[in-house]
Amino acid sequence: MSDPDGKQETEGSQAPESDVPGAVPGLCSAGSTSLALCGAFLGYWGFQGQGDWQFIHLTAVIPLFLAAAAFGLTPFVATSVGGVAKARRVYFAGLFLLLFAMTAALWITFTNPAERQDTSIHTHP
């Protein structure tokens, strides 16, 4: 059976990923929205939380910044030639890093602070 363009269709064949309509705008909007969520999470957890910053907080902050970089690069990669598949991988890597950062932040928040040594970044007088 042939389609209107005269190409032969085989059963089970799918269009290439770059031909999916709306893939680039979808990845661009998902990346920018997720970048905004990274900023909101950092603003709430990082700056509104109580207590001094400690070195253990880097287990949440570093993946959060890497996730923000991945989300910020997603629209750039998606709009490059043949970059839809790469942009999906970059977006999902950022999503994994964001979930890791949120899990680490929850773990830090709900562990008993008395069990940790005082390794504050700020020195107390």
C-alpha atoms as a PDB file:
ATOM      1  CA  MET A   1       0.000   0.000   0.000  1.00  0.00           C
ATOM      2  CA  SER A   2       1.356   3.465  -0.771  1.00  0.00           C
ATOM      3  CA  ASP A   3       0.704   6.801   0.874  1.00  0.00           C
ATOM      4  CA  PRO A   4      -0.277   9.995  -0.995  1.00  0.00           C
ATOM      5  CA  ASP A   5       3.402  10.816  -1.607  1.00  0.00           C
ATOM      6  CA  GLY A   6       3.918   7.533  -3.428  1.00  0.00           C
ATOM      7  CA  LYS A   7       6.115   5.966  -0.759  1.00  0.00           C
ATOM      8  CA  GLN A   8       5.616   2.345   0.126  1.00  0.00           C
ATOM      9  CA  GLU A   9       4.498   1.717   3.687  1.00  0.00           C
ATOM     10  CA  THR A  10       5.506  -1.406   5.503  1.00  0.00           C
ATOM     11  CA  GLU A  11       3.579  -2.760   8.398  1.00  0.00           C
ATOM     12  CA  GLY A  12       4.967  -1.580  11.722  1.00  0.00           C
ATOM     13  CA  SER A  13       7.042   1.211  10.216  1.00  0.00           C
ATOM     14  CA  GLN A  14       7.138   4.504  12.028  1.00  0.00           C
ATOM     15  CA  ALA A  15       8.117   7.970  10.954  1.00  0.00           C
ATOM     16  CA  PRO A  16      11.608   9.112  11.946  1.00  0.00           C
ATOM     17  CA  GLU A  17      11.802  11.001  15.238  1.00  0.00           C
ATOM     18  CA  SER A  18      12.602  14.264  13.480  1.00  0.00           C
ATOM     19  CA  ASP A  19       9.296  14.110  11.590  1.00  0.00           C
ATOM     20  CA  VAL A  20       7.155  14.065  14.724  1.00  0.00           C
ATOM     21  CA  PRO A  21       5.086  17.241  14.555  1.00  0.00           C
ATOM     22  CA  GLY A  22       5.501  19.453  17.592  1.00  0.00           C
ATOM     23  CA  ALA A  23       8.571  17.680  18.993  1.00  0.00           C
ATOM     24  CA  VAL A  24      10.806  20.750  18.909  1.00  0.00           C
ATOM     25  CA  PRO A  25       8.283  23.186  20.439  1.00  0.00           C
ATOM     26  CA  GLY A  26       7.356  20.579  23.032  1.00  0.00           C
ATOM     27  CA  LEU A  27      10.965  20.008  24.069  1.00  0.00           C
ATOM     28  CA  CYS A  28      11.645  23.747  24.151  1.00  0.00           C
ATOM     29  CA  SER A  29       8.654  24.474  26.375  1.00  0.00           C
ATOM     30  CA  ALA A  30       9.359  21.473  28.627  1.00  0.00           C
ATOM     31  CA  GLY A  31      12.987  22.536  29.036  1.00  0.00           C
ATOM     32  CA  SER A  32      12.147  26.128  29.867  1.00  0.00           C
ATOM     33  CA  THR A  33       9.377  25.131  32.284  1.00  0.00           C
ATOM     34  CA  SER A  34      11.668  22.674  34.049  1.00  0.00           C
ATOM     35  CA  LEU A  35      14.366  25.342  34.263  1.00  0.00           C
ATOM     36  CA  ALA A  36      11.847  27.587  36.023  1.00  0.00           C
ATOM     37  CA  LEU A  37      11.039  24.738  38.421  1.00  0.00           C
ATOM     38  CA  CYS A  38      14.753  24.386  39.212  1.00  0.00           C
ATOM     39  CA  GLY A  39      14.904  28.067  40.072  1.00  0.00           C
ATOM     40  CA  ALA A  40      11.777  27.861  42.217  1.00  0.00           C
ATOM     41  CA  PHE A  41      13.118  24.808  44.051  1.00  0.00           C
ATOM     42  CA  LEU A  42      16.454  26.507  44.701  1.00  0.00           C
ATOM     43  CA  GLY A  43      14.699  29.655  45.902  1.00  0.00           C
ATOM     44  CA  TYR A  44      12.439  27.788  48.286  1.00  0.00           C
ATOM     45  CA  TRP A  45      14.772  25.124  49.624  1.00  0.00           C
ATOM     46  CA  GLY A  46      18.101  26.865  49.355  1.00  0.00           C
ATOM     47  CA  PHE A  47      17.312  30.368  50.478  1.00  0.00           C
ATOM     48  CA  GLN A  48      14.104  30.094  52.498  1.00  0.00           C
ATOM     49  CA  GLY A  49      15.212  27.143  54.618  1.00  0.00           C
ATOM     50  CA  GLN A  50      16.437  27.495  58.150  1.00  0.00           C
ATOM     51  CA  GLY A  51      19.976  27.038  59.311  1.00  0.00           C
ATOM     52  CA  ASP A  52      23.392  27.560  57.817  1.00  0.00           C
ATOM     53  CA  TRP A  53      24.620  25.999  54.638  1.00  0.00           C
ATOM     54  CA  GLN A  54      26.664  22.864  55.194  1.00  0.00           C
ATOM     55  CA  PHE A  55      28.884  20.859  52.891  1.00  0.00           C
ATOM     56  CA  ILE A  56      26.294  18.081  52.739  1.00  0.00           C
ATOM     57  CA  HIS A  57      23.982  20.498  50.950  1.00  0.00           C
ATOM     58  CA  LEU A  58      26.253  20.219  47.923  1.00  0.00           C
ATOM     59  CA  THR A  59      24.717  16.772  47.297  1.00  0.00           C
ATOM     60  CA  ALA A  60      21.546  18.627  46.368  1.00  0.00           C
ATOM     61  CA  VAL A  61      22.926  21.869  44.946  1.00  0.00           C
ATOM     62  CA  ILE A  62      25.393  20.419  42.426  1.00  0.00           C
ATOM     63  CA  PRO A  63      22.842  18.094  40.746  1.00  0.00           C
ATOM     64  CA  LEU A  64      20.344  20.955  40.793  1.00  0.00           C
ATOM     65  CA  PHE A  65      22.708  23.245  38.881  1.00  0.00           C
ATOM     66  CA  LEU A  66      23.573  20.441  36.447  1.00  0.00           C
ATOM     67  CA  ALA A  67      19.846  19.843  35.894  1.00  0.00           C
ATOM     68  CA  ALA A  68      19.319  23.552  35.280  1.00  0.00           C
ATOM     69  CA  ALA A  69      22.133  23.498  32.719  1.00  0.00           C
ATOM     70  CA  ALA A  70      20.596  20.477  30.991  1.00  0.00           C
ATOM     71  CA  PHE A  71      17.169  22.132  30.891  1.00  0.00           C
ATOM     72  CA  GLY A  72      18.693  25.346  29.591  1.00  0.00           C
ATOM     73  CA  LEU A  73      20.501  23.477  26.810  1.00  0.00           C
ATOM     74  CA  THR A  74      17.450  21.445  25.764  1.00  0.00           C
ATOM     75  CA  PRO A  75      15.957  24.122  23.453  1.00  0.00           C
ATOM     76  CA  PHE A  76      19.367  24.757  21.874  1.00  0.00           C
ATOM     77  CA  VAL A  77      19.921  21.054  21.178  1.00  0.00           C
ATOM     78  CA  ALA A  78      16.330  20.552  19.987  1.00  0.00           C
ATOM     79  CA  THR A  79      16.623  23.304  17.384  1.00  0.00           C
ATOM     80  CA  SER A  80      19.917  22.026  15.993  1.00  0.00           C
ATOM     81  CA  VAL A  81      19.881  19.834  12.890  1.00  0.00           C
ATOM     82  CA  GLY A  82      18.767  16.334  13.827  1.00  0.00           C
ATOM     83  CA  GLY A  83      18.840  17.170  17.501  1.00  0.00           C
ATOM     84  CA  VAL A  84      15.417  15.957  18.645  1.00  0.00           C
ATOM     85  CA  ALA A  85      16.737  12.597  19.850  1.00  0.00           C
ATOM     86  CA  LYS A  86      19.701  14.272  21.571  1.00  0.00           C
ATOM     87  CA  ALA A  87      17.430  16.879  23.141  1.00  0.00           C
ATOM     88  CA  ARG A  88      15.254  14.128  24.594  1.00  0.00           C
ATOM     89  CA  ARG A  89      18.301  12.522  26.197  1.00  0.00           C
ATOM     90  CA  VAL A  90      19.496  15.885  27.565  1.00  0.00           C
ATOM     91  CA  TYR A  91      16.022  16.620  28.951  1.00  0.00           C
ATOM     92  CA  PHE A  92      15.705  13.219  30.637  1.00  0.00           C
ATOM     93  CA  ALA A  93      19.205  13.536  32.098  1.00  0.00           C
ATOM     94  CA  GLY A  94      18.161  16.888  33.563  1.00  0.00           C
ATOM     95  CA  LEU A  95      14.957  15.356  34.878  1.00  0.00           C
ATOM     96  CA  PHE A  96      16.914  12.558  36.575  1.00  0.00           C
ATOM     97  CA  LEU A  97      19.319  15.086  38.119  1.00  0.00           C
ATOM     98  CA  LEU A  98      16.424  17.230  39.356  1.00  0.00           C
ATOM     99  CA  LEU A  99      14.750  14.238  40.989  1.00  0.00           C
ATOM    100  CA  PHE A 100      18.067  13.252  42.568  1.00  0.00           C
ATOM    101  CA  ALA A 101      18.545  16.784  43.915  1.00  0.00           C
ATOM    102  CA  MET A 102      15.031  16.861  45.350  1.00  0.00           C
ATOM    103  CA  THR A 103      15.497  13.459  46.978  1.00  0.00           C
ATOM    104  CA  ALA A 104      18.823  14.568  48.463  1.00  0.00           C
ATOM    105  CA  ALA A 105      17.229  17.770  49.761  1.00  0.00           C
ATOM    106  CA  LEU A 106      14.418  15.825  51.412  1.00  0.00           C
ATOM    107  CA  TRP A 107      16.913  13.424  52.946  1.00  0.00           C
ATOM    108  CA  ILE A 108      19.006  16.309  54.294  1.00  0.00           C
ATOM    109  CA  THR A 109      15.932  18.102  55.629  1.00  0.00           C
ATOM    110  CA  PHE A 110      14.464  15.133  57.465  1.00  0.00           C
ATOM    111  CA  THR A 111      17.607  13.597  58.917  1.00  0.00           C
ATOM    112  CA  ASN A 112      18.356  14.476  62.474  1.00  0.00           C
ATOM    113  CA  PRO A 113      20.687  17.508  62.492  1.00  0.00           C
ATOM    114  CA  ALA A 114      22.086  16.431  65.866  1.00  0.00           C
ATOM    115  CA  GLU A 115      23.549  13.317  64.200  1.00  0.00           C
ATOM    116  CA  ARG A 116      25.638  15.440  61.822  1.00  0.00           C
ATOM    117  CA  GLN A 117      28.712  17.342  62.834  1.00  0.00           C
ATOM    118  CA  ASP A 118      28.602  21.091  62.503  1.00  0.00           C
ATOM    119  CA  THR A 119      30.351  21.531  59.151  1.00  0.00           C
ATOM    120  CA  SER A 120      28.797  24.887  58.359  1.00  0.00           C
ATOM    121  CA  ILE A 121      30.200  26.895  55.506  1.00  0.00           C
ATOM    122  CA  HIS A 122      29.784  30.058  57.574  1.00  0.00           C
ATOM    123  CA  THR A 123      31.957  30.433  60.637  1.00  0.00           C
ATOM    124  CA  HIS A 124      30.373  31.478  63.879  1.00  0.00           C
ATOM    125  CA  PRO A 125      32.026  34.156  66.035  1.00  0.00           C
END
